[in-house]
Amino acid sequence: AETTFSPTVTLTTWIREGAAETDVETALDALMAAHPWEIPVIE
């Protein structure tokens, strides 16, 4: 119930054209596992 401000860095990267979906899922899963937020913001 308290307004919070978080210092944040936004990283934007790109998925390689033609990347196998299994490789994409592995990469996205690694990002999710390393992210500390209860609800990670990864778009």
PDB file of all heavy atoms in Angstrom:
ATOM      1  N   ALA A   1       0.799  -1.226   0.000  1.00  0.00           N
ATOM      2  CA  ALA A   1       0.000   0.000   0.000  1.00  0.00           C
ATOM      3  C   ALA A   1       0.835   1.281   0.000  1.00  0.00           C
ATOM      4  O   ALA A   1       0.283   2.362   0.178  1.00  0.00           O
ATOM      5  CB  ALA A   1      -0.994   0.001   1.160  1.00  0.00           C
ATOM      6  N   GLU A   2       2.139   1.187  -0.198  1.00  0.00           N
ATOM      7  CA  GLU A   2       2.992   2.379  -0.257  1.00  0.00           C
ATOM      8  C   GLU A   2       3.570   2.527  -1.660  1.00  0.00           C
ATOM      9  O   GLU A   2       4.068   1.563  -2.240  1.00  0.00           O
ATOM     10  CB  GLU A   2       4.151   2.262   0.733  1.00  0.00           C
ATOM     11  CG  GLU A   2       3.737   2.293   2.184  1.00  0.00           C
ATOM     12  CD  GLU A   2       4.930   2.158   3.116  1.00  0.00           C
ATOM     13  OE1 GLU A   2       6.098   2.185   2.655  1.00  0.00           O
ATOM     14  OE2 GLU A   2       4.691   2.014   4.327  1.00  0.00           O
ATOM     15  N   THR A   3       3.523   3.746  -2.186  1.00  0.00           N
ATOM     16  CA  THR A   3       4.142   4.013  -3.483  1.00  0.00           C
ATOM     17  C   THR A   3       5.650   3.806  -3.357  1.00  0.00           C
ATOM     18  O   THR A   3       6.284   4.314  -2.435  1.00  0.00           O
ATOM     19  CB  THR A   3       3.843   5.443  -3.944  1.00  0.00           C
ATOM     20  OG1 THR A   3       2.427   5.593  -4.061  1.00  0.00           O
ATOM     21  CG2 THR A   3       4.505   5.748  -5.282  1.00  0.00           C
ATOM     22  N   THR A   4       6.177   3.042  -4.272  1.00  0.00           N
ATOM     23  CA  THR A   4       7.598   2.692  -4.254  1.00  0.00           C
ATOM     24  C   THR A   4       8.232   3.124  -5.567  1.00  0.00           C
ATOM     25  O   THR A   4       7.609   3.034  -6.629  1.00  0.00           O
ATOM     26  CB  THR A   4       7.768   1.169  -4.069  1.00  0.00           C
ATOM     27  OG1 THR A   4       7.086   0.775  -2.874  1.00  0.00           O
ATOM     28  CG2 THR A   4       9.220   0.773  -3.981  1.00  0.00           C
ATOM     29  N   PHE A   5       9.464   3.595  -5.484  1.00  0.00           N
ATOM     30  CA  PHE A   5      10.245   3.942  -6.673  1.00  0.00           C
ATOM     31  C   PHE A   5      11.453   3.030  -6.705  1.00  0.00           C
ATOM     32  O   PHE A   5      12.156   2.875  -5.707  1.00  0.00           O
ATOM     33  CB  PHE A   5      10.676   5.407  -6.636  1.00  0.00           C
ATOM     34  CG  PHE A   5       9.507   6.351  -6.696  1.00  0.00           C
ATOM     35  CD1 PHE A   5       8.922   6.825  -5.529  1.00  0.00           C
ATOM     36  CD2 PHE A   5       8.979   6.738  -7.918  1.00  0.00           C
ATOM     37  CE1 PHE A   5       7.835   7.672  -5.570  1.00  0.00           C
ATOM     38  CE2 PHE A   5       7.896   7.591  -7.970  1.00  0.00           C
ATOM     39  CZ  PHE A   5       7.315   8.062  -6.808  1.00  0.00           C
ATOM     40  N   SER A   6      11.682   2.421  -7.851  1.00  0.00           N
ATOM     41  CA  SER A   6      12.772   1.464  -8.005  1.00  0.00           C
ATOM     42  C   SER A   6      13.746   1.964  -9.065  1.00  0.00           C
ATOM     43  O   SER A   6      13.349   2.179 -10.216  1.00  0.00           O
ATOM     44  CB  SER A   6      12.204   0.111  -8.438  1.00  0.00           C
ATOM     45  OG  SER A   6      13.246  -0.782  -8.780  1.00  0.00           O
ATOM     46  N   PRO A   7      15.046   2.132  -8.718  1.00  0.00           N
ATOM     47  CA  PRO A   7      16.024   2.405  -9.761  1.00  0.00           C
ATOM     48  C   PRO A   7      16.073   1.188 -10.687  1.00  0.00           C
ATOM     49  O   PRO A   7      16.167   0.051 -10.217  1.00  0.00           O
ATOM     50  CB  PRO A   7      17.330   2.607  -9.007  1.00  0.00           C
ATOM     51  CG  PRO A   7      17.087   2.188  -7.605  1.00  0.00           C
ATOM     52  CD  PRO A   7      15.635   2.010  -7.398  1.00  0.00           C
ATOM     53  N   THR A   8      15.956   1.440 -11.973  1.00  0.00           N
ATOM     54  CA  THR A   8      15.795   0.346 -12.932  1.00  0.00           C
ATOM     55  C   THR A   8      16.611   0.611 -14.193  1.00  0.00           C
ATOM     56  O   THR A   8      16.690   1.739 -14.664  1.00  0.00           O
ATOM     57  CB  THR A   8      14.307   0.189 -13.307  1.00  0.00           C
ATOM     58  OG1 THR A   8      13.560  -0.051 -12.113  1.00  0.00           O
ATOM     59  CG2 THR A   8      14.079  -0.953 -14.278  1.00  0.00           C
ATOM     60  N   VAL A   9      17.190  -0.438 -14.716  1.00  0.00           N
ATOM     61  CA  VAL A   9      17.825  -0.399 -16.026  1.00  0.00           C
ATOM     62  C   VAL A   9      16.986  -1.278 -16.939  1.00  0.00           C
ATOM     63  O   VAL A   9      16.626  -2.401 -16.576  1.00  0.00           O
ATOM     64  CB  VAL A   9      19.284  -0.912 -15.964  1.00  0.00           C
ATOM     65  CG1 VAL A   9      19.856  -1.113 -17.362  1.00  0.00           C
ATOM     66  CG2 VAL A   9      20.138   0.043 -15.155  1.00  0.00           C
ATOM     67  N   THR A  10      16.637  -0.762 -18.103  1.00  0.00           N
ATOM     68  CA  THR A  10      15.895  -1.566 -19.077  1.00  0.00           C
ATOM     69  C   THR A  10      16.875  -2.012 -20.156  1.00  0.00           C
ATOM     70  O   THR A  10      17.530  -1.184 -20.793  1.00  0.00           O
ATOM     71  CB  THR A  10      14.739  -0.777 -19.696  1.00  0.00           C
ATOM     72  OG1 THR A  10      13.878  -0.333 -18.653  1.00  0.00           O
ATOM     73  CG2 THR A  10      13.948  -1.646 -20.671  1.00  0.00           C
ATOM     74  N   LEU A  11      16.991  -3.317 -20.308  1.00  0.00           N
ATOM     75  CA  LEU A  11      17.821  -3.904 -21.364  1.00  0.00           C
ATOM     76  C   LEU A  11      16.904  -4.326 -22.496  1.00  0.00           C
ATOM     77  O   LEU A  11      15.910  -5.018 -22.269  1.00  0.00           O
ATOM     78  CB  LEU A  11      18.556  -5.137 -20.835  1.00  0.00           C
ATOM     79  CG  LEU A  11      19.519  -4.936 -19.679  1.00  0.00           C
ATOM     80  CD1 LEU A  11      20.052  -6.282 -19.207  1.00  0.00           C
ATOM     81  CD2 LEU A  11      20.662  -4.022 -20.090  1.00  0.00           C
ATOM     82  N   THR A  12      17.231  -3.906 -23.691  1.00  0.00           N
ATOM     83  CA  THR A  12      16.509  -4.375 -24.871  1.00  0.00           C
ATOM     84  C   THR A  12      17.490  -5.144 -25.734  1.00  0.00           C
ATOM     85  O   THR A  12      18.586  -4.663 -26.027  1.00  0.00           O
ATOM     86  CB  THR A  12      15.907  -3.210 -25.683  1.00  0.00           C
ATOM     87  OG1 THR A  12      15.048  -2.446 -24.838  1.00  0.00           O
ATOM     88  CG2 THR A  12      15.118  -3.722 -26.881  1.00  0.00           C
ATOM     89  N   THR A  13      17.104  -6.353 -26.090  1.00  0.00           N
ATOM     90  CA  THR A  13      17.912  -7.167 -26.986  1.00  0.00           C
ATOM     91  C   THR A  13      16.964  -7.775 -28.017  1.00  0.00           C
ATOM     92  O   THR A  13      15.762  -7.502 -28.003  1.00  0.00           O
ATOM     93  CB  THR A  13      18.710  -8.242 -26.205  1.00  0.00           C
ATOM     94  OG1 THR A  13      19.669  -8.837 -27.092  1.00  0.00           O
ATOM     95  CG2 THR A  13      17.825  -9.283 -25.573  1.00  0.00           C
ATOM     96  N   TRP A  14      17.483  -8.561 -28.905  1.00  0.00           N
ATOM     97  CA  TRP A  14      16.678  -9.106 -29.985  1.00  0.00           C
ATOM     98  C   TRP A  14      16.923 -10.594 -30.124  1.00  0.00           C
ATOM     99  O   TRP A  14      18.035 -11.077 -29.911  1.00  0.00           O
ATOM    100  CB  TRP A  14      17.007  -8.381 -31.295  1.00  0.00           C
ATOM    101  CG  TRP A  14      16.639  -6.940 -31.191  1.00  0.00           C
ATOM    102  CD1 TRP A  14      15.455  -6.376 -31.583  1.00  0.00           C
ATOM    103  CD2 TRP A  14      17.401  -5.879 -30.621  1.00  0.00           C
ATOM    104  NE1 TRP A  14      15.441  -5.032 -31.285  1.00  0.00           N
ATOM    105  CE2 TRP A  14      16.629  -4.699 -30.680  1.00  0.00           C
ATOM    106  CE3 TRP A  14      18.661  -5.803 -30.022  1.00  0.00           C
ATOM    107  CZ2 TRP A  14      17.070  -3.478 -30.203  1.00  0.00           C
ATOM    108  CZ3 TRP A  14      19.111  -4.581 -29.542  1.00  0.00           C
ATOM    109  CH2 TRP A  14      18.314  -3.439 -29.637  1.00  0.00           C
ATOM    110  N   ILE A  15      15.878 -11.309 -30.481  1.00  0.00           N
ATOM    111  CA  ILE A  15      15.985 -12.743 -30.723  1.00  0.00           C
ATOM    112  C   ILE A  15      16.485 -12.933 -32.146  1.00  0.00           C
ATOM    113  O   ILE A  15      15.921 -12.374 -33.099  1.00  0.00           O
ATOM    114  CB  ILE A  15      14.624 -13.438 -30.516  1.00  0.00           C
ATOM    115  CG1 ILE A  15      14.199 -13.300 -29.043  1.00  0.00           C
ATOM    116  CG2 ILE A  15      14.691 -14.896 -30.948  1.00  0.00           C
ATOM    117  CD1 ILE A  15      12.793 -13.771 -28.751  1.00  0.00           C
ATOM    118  N   ARG A  16      17.544 -13.718 -32.244  1.00  0.00           N
ATOM    119  CA  ARG A  16      18.172 -13.961 -33.548  1.00  0.00           C
ATOM    120  C   ARG A  16      17.173 -14.531 -34.547  1.00  0.00           C
ATOM    121  O   ARG A  16      16.415 -15.453 -34.234  1.00  0.00           O
ATOM    122  CB  ARG A  16      19.353 -14.922 -33.376  1.00  0.00           C
ATOM    123  CG  ARG A  16      20.064 -15.261 -34.671  1.00  0.00           C
ATOM    124  CD  ARG A  16      21.281 -16.138 -34.442  1.00  0.00           C
ATOM    125  NE  ARG A  16      21.085 -17.263 -33.550  1.00  0.00           N
ATOM    126  CZ  ARG A  16      20.521 -18.423 -33.900  1.00  0.00           C
ATOM    127  NH1 ARG A  16      20.076 -18.597 -35.114  1.00  0.00           N
ATOM    128  NH2 ARG A  16      20.420 -19.392 -33.021  1.00  0.00           N
ATOM    129  N   GLU A  17      17.172 -13.987 -35.735  1.00  0.00           N
ATOM    130  CA  GLU A  17      16.304 -14.483 -36.804  1.00  0.00           C
ATOM    131  C   GLU A  17      16.641 -15.949 -37.077  1.00  0.00           C
ATOM    132  O   GLU A  17      17.810 -16.325 -37.179  1.00  0.00           O
ATOM    133  CB  GLU A  17      16.525 -13.649 -38.075  1.00  0.00           C
ATOM    134  CG  GLU A  17      15.593 -13.971 -39.196  1.00  0.00           C
ATOM    135  CD  GLU A  17      15.789 -13.016 -40.364  1.00  0.00           C
ATOM    136  OE1 GLU A  17      16.917 -12.533 -40.564  1.00  0.00           O
ATOM    137  OE2 GLU A  17      14.805 -12.759 -41.068  1.00  0.00           O
ATOM    138  N   GLY A  18      15.637 -16.785 -37.120  1.00  0.00           N
ATOM    139  CA  GLY A  18      15.841 -18.193 -37.391  1.00  0.00           C
ATOM    140  C   GLY A  18      16.265 -19.009 -36.182  1.00  0.00           C
ATOM    141  O   GLY A  18      16.581 -20.193 -36.320  1.00  0.00           O
ATOM    142  N   ALA A  19      16.284 -18.395 -35.008  1.00  0.00           N
ATOM    143  CA  ALA A  19      16.671 -19.133 -33.799  1.00  0.00           C
ATOM    144  C   ALA A  19      15.665 -20.247 -33.529  1.00  0.00           C
ATOM    145  O   ALA A  19      14.456 -20.054 -33.676  1.00  0.00           O
ATOM    146  CB  ALA A  19      16.744 -18.197 -32.598  1.00  0.00           C
ATOM    147  N   ALA A  20      16.159 -21.403 -33.153  1.00  0.00           N
ATOM    148  CA  ALA A  20      15.277 -22.524 -32.817  1.00  0.00           C
ATOM    149  C   ALA A  20      14.450 -22.144 -31.593  1.00  0.00           C
ATOM    150  O   ALA A  20      14.964 -21.548 -30.640  1.00  0.00           O
ATOM    151  CB  ALA A  20      16.110 -23.772 -32.516  1.00  0.00           C
ATOM    152  N   GLU A  21      13.180 -22.485 -31.609  1.00  0.00           N
ATOM    153  CA  GLU A  21      12.295 -22.119 -30.497  1.00  0.00           C
ATOM    154  C   GLU A  21      12.759 -22.727 -29.183  1.00  0.00           C
ATOM    155  O   GLU A  21      12.572 -22.119 -28.127  1.00  0.00           O
ATOM    156  CB  GLU A  21      10.848 -22.495 -30.798  1.00  0.00           C
ATOM    157  CG  GLU A  21      10.154 -21.518 -31.734  1.00  0.00           C
ATOM    158  CD  GLU A  21      10.220 -20.062 -31.268  1.00  0.00           C
ATOM    159  OE1 GLU A  21       9.854 -19.771 -30.103  1.00  0.00           O
ATOM    160  OE2 GLU A  21      10.635 -19.206 -32.064  1.00  0.00           O
ATOM    161  N   THR A  22      13.401 -23.883 -29.226  1.00  0.00           N
ATOM    162  CA  THR A  22      13.924 -24.459 -27.980  1.00  0.00           C
ATOM    163  C   THR A  22      15.030 -23.572 -27.413  1.00  0.00           C
ATOM    164  O   THR A  22      15.118 -23.399 -26.197  1.00  0.00           O
ATOM    165  CB  THR A  22      14.441 -25.893 -28.190  1.00  0.00           C
ATOM    166  OG1 THR A  22      15.405 -25.896 -29.248  1.00  0.00           O
ATOM    167  CG2 THR A  22      13.311 -26.851 -28.522  1.00  0.00           C
ATOM    168  N   ASP A  23      15.871 -22.991 -28.282  1.00  0.00           N
ATOM    169  CA  ASP A  23      16.921 -22.069 -27.834  1.00  0.00           C
ATOM    170  C   ASP A  23      16.317 -20.781 -27.282  1.00  0.00           C
ATOM    171  O   ASP A  23      16.793 -20.238 -26.288  1.00  0.00           O
ATOM    172  CB  ASP A  23      17.885 -21.739 -28.976  1.00  0.00           C
ATOM    173  CG  ASP A  23      18.700 -22.936 -29.429  1.00  0.00           C
ATOM    174  OD1 ASP A  23      18.797 -23.926 -28.669  1.00  0.00           O
ATOM    175  OD2 ASP A  23      19.238 -22.883 -30.551  1.00  0.00           O
ATOM    176  N   VAL A  24      15.268 -20.297 -27.926  1.00  0.00           N
ATOM    177  CA  VAL A  24      14.577 -19.085 -27.459  1.00  0.00           C
ATOM    178  C   VAL A  24      13.985 -19.334 -26.083  1.00  0.00           C
ATOM    179  O   VAL A  24      14.164 -18.536 -25.153  1.00  0.00           O
ATOM    180  CB  VAL A  24      13.493 -18.646 -28.461  1.00  0.00           C
ATOM    181  CG1 VAL A  24      12.636 -17.521 -27.883  1.00  0.00           C
ATOM    182  CG2 VAL A  24      14.116 -18.228 -29.785  1.00  0.00           C
ATOM    183  N   GLU A  25      13.299 -20.458 -25.910  1.00  0.00           N
ATOM    184  CA  GLU A  25      12.685 -20.776 -24.617  1.00  0.00           C
ATOM    185  C   GLU A  25      13.742 -20.941 -23.530  1.00  0.00           C
ATOM    186  O   GLU A  25      13.553 -20.492 -22.396  1.00  0.00           O
ATOM    187  CB  GLU A  25      11.813 -22.033 -24.725  1.00  0.00           C
ATOM    188  CG  GLU A  25      10.532 -21.796 -25.496  1.00  0.00           C
ATOM    189  CD  GLU A  25       9.673 -20.666 -24.930  1.00  0.00           C
ATOM    190  OE1 GLU A  25       9.518 -20.578 -23.692  1.00  0.00           O
ATOM    191  OE2 GLU A  25       9.169 -19.861 -25.725  1.00  0.00           O
ATOM    192  N   THR A  26      14.875 -21.556 -23.869  1.00  0.00           N
ATOM    193  CA  THR A  26      15.964 -21.707 -22.905  1.00  0.00           C
ATOM    194  C   THR A  26      16.472 -20.337 -22.466  1.00  0.00           C
ATOM    195  O   THR A  26      16.698 -20.095 -21.268  1.00  0.00           O
ATOM    196  CB  THR A  26      17.114 -22.540 -23.508  1.00  0.00           C
ATOM    197  OG1 THR A  26      16.615 -23.850 -23.788  1.00  0.00           O
ATOM    198  CG2 THR A  26      18.308 -22.624 -22.581  1.00  0.00           C
ATOM    199  N   ALA A  27      16.657 -19.432 -23.405  1.00  0.00           N
ATOM    200  CA  ALA A  27      17.140 -18.086 -23.093  1.00  0.00           C
ATOM    201  C   ALA A  27      16.126 -17.322 -22.239  1.00  0.00           C
ATOM    202  O   ALA A  27      16.492 -16.695 -21.233  1.00  0.00           O
ATOM    203  CB  ALA A  27      17.433 -17.320 -24.380  1.00  0.00           C
ATOM    204  N   LEU A  28      14.852 -17.378 -22.607  1.00  0.00           N
ATOM    205  CA  LEU A  28      13.818 -16.667 -21.851  1.00  0.00           C
ATOM    206  C   LEU A  28      13.658 -17.268 -20.452  1.00  0.00           C
ATOM    207  O   LEU A  28      13.483 -16.537 -19.475  1.00  0.00           O
ATOM    208  CB  LEU A  28      12.498 -16.673 -22.612  1.00  0.00           C
ATOM    209  CG  LEU A  28      12.505 -15.924 -23.950  1.00  0.00           C
ATOM    210  CD1 LEU A  28      11.153 -16.063 -24.647  1.00  0.00           C
ATOM    211  CD2 LEU A  28      12.893 -14.460 -23.779  1.00  0.00           C
ATOM    212  N   ASP A  29      13.745 -18.593 -20.346  1.00  0.00           N
ATOM    213  CA  ASP A  29      13.688 -19.243 -19.036  1.00  0.00           C
ATOM    214  C   ASP A  29      14.855 -18.801 -18.152  1.00  0.00           C
ATOM    215  O   ASP A  29      14.689 -18.589 -16.942  1.00  0.00           O
ATOM    216  CB  ASP A  29      13.702 -20.769 -19.174  1.00  0.00           C
ATOM    217  CG  ASP A  29      12.388 -21.329 -19.708  1.00  0.00           C
ATOM    218  OD1 ASP A  29      11.374 -20.596 -19.734  1.00  0.00           O
ATOM    219  OD2 ASP A  29      12.384 -22.514 -20.106  1.00  0.00           O
ATOM    220  N   ALA A  30      16.043 -18.638 -18.741  1.00  0.00           N
ATOM    221  CA  ALA A  30      17.212 -18.191 -17.974  1.00  0.00           C
ATOM    222  C   ALA A  30      16.999 -16.768 -17.459  1.00  0.00           C
ATOM    223  O   ALA A  30      17.338 -16.462 -16.307  1.00  0.00           O
ATOM    224  CB  ALA A  30      18.474 -18.275 -18.841  1.00  0.00           C
ATOM    225  N   LEU A  31      16.429 -15.900 -18.299  1.00  0.00           N
ATOM    226  CA  LEU A  31      16.135 -14.531 -17.854  1.00  0.00           C
ATOM    227  C   LEU A  31      15.139 -14.537 -16.697  1.00  0.00           C
ATOM    228  O   LEU A  31      15.320 -13.835 -15.698  1.00  0.00           O
ATOM    229  CB  LEU A  31      15.581 -13.697 -19.016  1.00  0.00           C
ATOM    230  CG  LEU A  31      16.550 -13.365 -20.150  1.00  0.00           C
ATOM    231  CD1 LEU A  31      15.808 -12.712 -21.307  1.00  0.00           C
ATOM    232  CD2 LEU A  31      17.687 -12.468 -19.659  1.00  0.00           C
ATOM    233  N   MET A  32      14.084 -15.337 -16.830  1.00  0.00           N
ATOM    234  CA  MET A  32      13.072 -15.403 -15.767  1.00  0.00           C
ATOM    235  C   MET A  32      13.676 -15.934 -14.466  1.00  0.00           C
ATOM    236  O   MET A  32      13.388 -15.419 -13.386  1.00  0.00           O
ATOM    237  CB  MET A  32      11.901 -16.288 -16.202  1.00  0.00           C
ATOM    238  CG  MET A  32      11.003 -15.668 -17.259  1.00  0.00           C
ATOM    239  SD  MET A  32      10.086 -14.246 -16.650  1.00  0.00           S
ATOM    240  CE  MET A  32       8.867 -15.054 -15.621  1.00  0.00           C
ATOM    241  N   ALA A  33      14.519 -16.949 -14.559  1.00  0.00           N
ATOM    242  CA  ALA A  33      15.116 -17.546 -13.363  1.00  0.00           C
ATOM    243  C   ALA A  33      16.055 -16.568 -12.650  1.00  0.00           C
ATOM    244  O   ALA A  33      16.152 -16.578 -11.418  1.00  0.00           O
ATOM    245  CB  ALA A  33      15.869 -18.822 -13.730  1.00  0.00           C
ATOM    246  N   ALA A  34      16.725 -15.707 -13.407  1.00  0.00           N
ATOM    247  CA  ALA A  34      17.681 -14.763 -12.818  1.00  0.00           C
ATOM    248  C   ALA A  34      17.023 -13.494 -12.296  1.00  0.00           C
ATOM    249  O   ALA A  34      17.644 -12.736 -11.554  1.00  0.00           O
ATOM    250  CB  ALA A  34      18.745 -14.405 -13.856  1.00  0.00           C
ATOM    251  N   HIS A  35      15.787 -13.254 -12.685  1.00  0.00           N
ATOM    252  CA  HIS A  35      15.107 -12.001 -12.310  1.00  0.00           C
ATOM    253  C   HIS A  35      14.577 -12.088 -10.879  1.00  0.00           C
ATOM    254  O   HIS A  35      13.890 -13.041 -10.526  1.00  0.00           O
ATOM    255  CB  HIS A  35      13.957 -11.717 -13.284  1.00  0.00           C
ATOM    256  CG  HIS A  35      13.604 -10.280 -13.341  1.00  0.00           C
ATOM    257  ND1 HIS A  35      13.008  -9.631 -12.282  1.00  0.00           N
ATOM    258  CD2 HIS A  35      13.766  -9.358 -14.314  1.00  0.00           C
ATOM    259  CE1 HIS A  35      12.820  -8.369 -12.608  1.00  0.00           C
ATOM    260  NE2 HIS A  35      13.277  -8.179 -13.840  1.00  0.00           N
ATOM    261  N   PRO A  36      14.867 -11.094 -10.040  1.00  0.00           N
ATOM    262  CA  PRO A  36      14.494 -11.172  -8.632  1.00  0.00           C
ATOM    263  C   PRO A  36      13.054 -10.772  -8.299  1.00  0.00           C
ATOM    264  O   PRO A  36      12.590 -11.034  -7.185  1.00  0.00           O
ATOM    265  CB  PRO A  36      15.474 -10.202  -7.961  1.00  0.00           C
ATOM    266  CG  PRO A  36      15.717  -9.169  -9.010  1.00  0.00           C
ATOM    267  CD  PRO A  36      15.715  -9.932 -10.311  1.00  0.00           C
ATOM    268  N   TRP A  37      12.349 -10.125  -9.211  1.00  0.00           N
ATOM    269  CA  TRP A  37      11.011  -9.643  -8.885  1.00  0.00           C
ATOM    270  C   TRP A  37      10.005 -10.779  -8.778  1.00  0.00           C
ATOM    271  O   TRP A  37      10.099 -11.784  -9.493  1.00  0.00           O
ATOM    272  CB  TRP A  37      10.518  -8.652  -9.927  1.00  0.00           C
ATOM    273  CG  TRP A  37      11.144  -7.293  -9.811  1.00  0.00           C
ATOM    274  CD1 TRP A  37      11.869  -6.791  -8.775  1.00  0.00           C
ATOM    275  CD2 TRP A  37      11.101  -6.268 -10.799  1.00  0.00           C
ATOM    276  NE1 TRP A  37      12.274  -5.518  -9.043  1.00  0.00           N
ATOM    277  CE2 TRP A  37      11.819  -5.166 -10.284  1.00  0.00           C
ATOM    278  CE3 TRP A  37      10.539  -6.174 -12.062  1.00  0.00           C
ATOM    279  CZ2 TRP A  37      11.965  -3.974 -10.993  1.00  0.00           C
ATOM    280  CZ3 TRP A  37      10.683  -4.990 -12.769  1.00  0.00           C
ATOM    281  CH2 TRP A  37      11.393  -3.913 -12.228  1.00  0.00           C
ATOM    282  N   GLU A  38       9.034 -10.583  -7.936  1.00  0.00           N
ATOM    283  CA  GLU A  38       7.933 -11.531  -7.780  1.00  0.00           C
ATOM    284  C   GLU A  38       7.202 -11.715  -9.117  1.00  0.00           C
ATOM    285  O   GLU A  38       6.833 -12.823  -9.490  1.00  0.00           O
ATOM    286  CB  GLU A  38       6.986 -10.996  -6.703  1.00  0.00           C
ATOM    287  CG  GLU A  38       5.847 -11.908  -6.356  1.00  0.00           C
ATOM    288  CD  GLU A  38       5.034 -11.361  -5.195  1.00  0.00           C
ATOM    289  OE1 GLU A  38       5.049 -10.145  -4.913  1.00  0.00           O
ATOM    290  OE2 GLU A  38       4.366 -12.195  -4.558  1.00  0.00           O
ATOM    291  N   ILE A  39       7.008 -10.616  -9.824  1.00  0.00           N
ATOM    292  CA  ILE A  39       6.421 -10.642 -11.167  1.00  0.00           C
ATOM    293  C   ILE A  39       7.399  -9.926 -12.096  1.00  0.00           C
ATOM    294  O   ILE A  39       7.368  -8.696 -12.217  1.00  0.00           O
ATOM    295  CB  ILE A  39       5.039  -9.964 -11.201  1.00  0.00           C
ATOM    296  CG1 ILE A  39       4.093 -10.662 -10.231  1.00  0.00           C
ATOM    297  CG2 ILE A  39       4.476  -9.979 -12.627  1.00  0.00           C
ATOM    298  CD1 ILE A  39       2.747  -9.987 -10.070  1.00  0.00           C
ATOM    299  N   PRO A  40       8.335 -10.668 -12.714  1.00  0.00           N
ATOM    300  CA  PRO A  40       9.307 -10.025 -13.606  1.00  0.00           C
ATOM    301  C   PRO A  40       8.612  -9.309 -14.760  1.00  0.00           C
ATOM    302  O   PRO A  40       7.580  -9.769 -15.257  1.00  0.00           O
ATOM    303  CB  PRO A  40      10.135 -11.198 -14.134  1.00  0.00           C
ATOM    304  CG  PRO A  40       9.960 -12.269 -13.110  1.00  0.00           C
ATOM    305  CD  PRO A  40       8.553 -12.106 -12.600  1.00  0.00           C
ATOM    306  N   VAL A  41       9.190  -8.175 -15.156  1.00  0.00           N
ATOM    307  CA  VAL A  41       8.681  -7.458 -16.323  1.00  0.00           C
ATOM    308  C   VAL A  41       9.672  -7.713 -17.458  1.00  0.00           C
ATOM    309  O   VAL A  41      10.729  -7.097 -17.538  1.00  0.00           O
ATOM    310  CB  VAL A  41       8.508  -5.952 -16.052  1.00  0.00           C
ATOM    311  CG1 VAL A  41       7.985  -5.244 -17.298  1.00  0.00           C
ATOM    312  CG2 VAL A  41       7.559  -5.733 -14.871  1.00  0.00           C
ATOM    313  N   ILE A  42       9.313  -8.682 -18.281  1.00  0.00           N
ATOM    314  CA  ILE A  42      10.101  -9.054 -19.457  1.00  0.00           C
ATOM    315  C   ILE A  42       9.123  -9.114 -20.621  1.00  0.00           C
ATOM    316  O   ILE A  42       8.209  -9.929 -20.623  1.00  0.00           O
ATOM    317  CB  ILE A  42      10.821 -10.407 -19.257  1.00  0.00           C
ATOM    318  CG1 ILE A  42      11.758 -10.331 -18.041  1.00  0.00           C
ATOM    319  CG2 ILE A  42      11.587 -10.788 -20.526  1.00  0.00           C
ATOM    320  CD1 ILE A  42      12.416 -11.645 -17.681  1.00  0.00           C
ATOM    321  N   GLU A  43       9.315  -8.230 -21.572  1.00  0.00           N
ATOM    322  CA  GLU A  43       8.399  -8.119 -22.706  1.00  0.00           C
ATOM    323  C   GLU A  43       9.026  -8.736 -23.948  1.00  0.00           C
ATOM    324  O   GLU A  43      10.205  -8.532 -24.208  1.00  0.00           O
ATOM    325  CB  GLU A  43       8.113  -6.650 -23.019  1.00  0.00           C
ATOM    326  CG  GLU A  43       7.643  -5.823 -21.857  1.00  0.00           C
ATOM    327  CD  GLU A  43       7.673  -4.340 -22.181  1.00  0.00           C
ATOM    328  OE1 GLU A  43       7.191  -3.940 -23.259  1.00  0.00           O
ATOM    329  OE2 GLU A  43       8.214  -3.584 -21.354  1.00  0.00           O
TER     330      GLU A  43
END
